[in-house]
Amino acid sequence: MLKLNKLKIFIWTVNNPKKALHLISLGVDGFMSDRSGWIRKEVNLWRKANQKLLSAFTDLEINPQNR
């Protein structure tokens, strides 16, 4: 509902990389952390390791006819 109204969603105090990745998968626009450098590193490592999966997902979102 919030996204439909074009509101941004930010979450406060996420200090666990797994939770950060989960929130990203849910579509949050950003989050705050006491350990932002560490979280950023872990999320970037995950993104690099899963780049092929992420690009396939992005293609499906942008081009639904490719399903």
Protein backbone atom coordinates (compact mmCIF):
# COMPACT_ATOMS: atom_id res chain seq x y z
CA MET A 1 0.00 0.00 0.00
CA LEU A 2 2.81 2.42 0.85
CA LYS A 3 4.63 1.69 -2.40
CA LEU A 4 1.40 2.17 -4.37
CA ASN A 5 1.21 5.68 -2.93
CA LYS A 6 4.86 6.25 -3.96
CA LEU A 7 6.06 6.54 -0.38
CA LYS A 8 9.63 5.50 0.44
CA ILE A 9 10.18 2.86 3.11
CA PHE A 10 13.20 3.14 5.42
CA ILE A 11 13.93 0.83 8.36
CA TRP A 12 15.94 1.86 11.43
CA THR A 13 18.75 -0.03 13.15
CA VAL A 14 19.38 -3.10 11.02
CA ASN A 15 22.63 -4.66 12.27
CA ASN A 16 22.31 -8.15 10.80
CA PRO A 17 23.29 -8.77 7.14
CA LYS A 18 20.73 -11.57 6.72
CA LYS A 19 17.96 -9.28 7.93
CA ALA A 20 19.29 -6.52 5.65
CA LEU A 21 19.12 -8.86 2.65
CA HIS A 22 15.62 -9.95 3.63
CA LEU A 23 14.47 -6.34 3.86
CA ILE A 24 16.02 -5.58 0.47
CA SER A 25 14.13 -8.54 -1.00
CA LEU A 26 10.92 -7.12 0.43
CA GLY A 27 11.54 -3.85 -1.40
CA VAL A 28 12.58 -1.40 1.30
CA ASP A 29 14.24 1.73 -0.05
CA GLY A 30 16.93 1.83 2.62
CA PHE A 31 17.83 1.21 6.22
CA MET A 32 19.97 2.65 8.98
CA SER A 33 22.57 0.63 10.84
CA ASP A 34 25.05 1.00 13.69
CA ARG A 35 27.37 -1.16 11.57
CA SER A 36 26.80 0.34 8.13
CA GLY A 37 30.28 -0.39 6.75
CA TRP A 38 30.09 -4.04 7.74
CA ILE A 39 26.51 -4.43 6.51
CA ARG A 40 27.41 -2.76 3.20
CA LYS A 41 30.35 -5.14 2.75
CA GLU A 42 28.24 -8.23 3.47
CA VAL A 43 25.38 -7.13 1.21
CA ASN A 44 27.80 -6.30 -1.63
CA LEU A 45 29.49 -9.71 -1.25
CA TRP A 46 26.08 -11.39 -1.45
CA ARG A 47 25.11 -9.32 -4.50
CA LYS A 48 28.35 -10.23 -6.29
CA ALA A 49 27.87 -13.92 -5.49
CA ASN A 50 24.27 -13.81 -6.71
CA GLN A 51 24.58 -11.38 -9.61
CA LYS A 52 23.26 -13.83 -12.20
CA LEU A 53 20.20 -14.56 -10.07
CA LEU A 54 19.59 -10.85 -9.45
CA SER A 55 19.87 -9.95 -13.13
CA ALA A 56 17.40 -12.71 -14.05
CA PHE A 57 14.97 -11.41 -11.43
CA THR A 58 15.38 -7.84 -12.70
CA ASP A 59 14.72 -8.99 -16.27
CA LEU A 60 11.49 -10.63 -15.15
CA GLU A 61 10.38 -7.50 -13.33
CA ILE A 62 11.15 -5.20 -16.26
CA ASN A 63 9.93 -7.57 -18.98
CA PRO A 64 7.03 -9.64 -17.60
CA GLN A 65 6.46 -11.18 -21.06
CA ASN A 66 9.73 -13.15 -20.61
CA ARG A 67 8.12 -15.47 -18.06
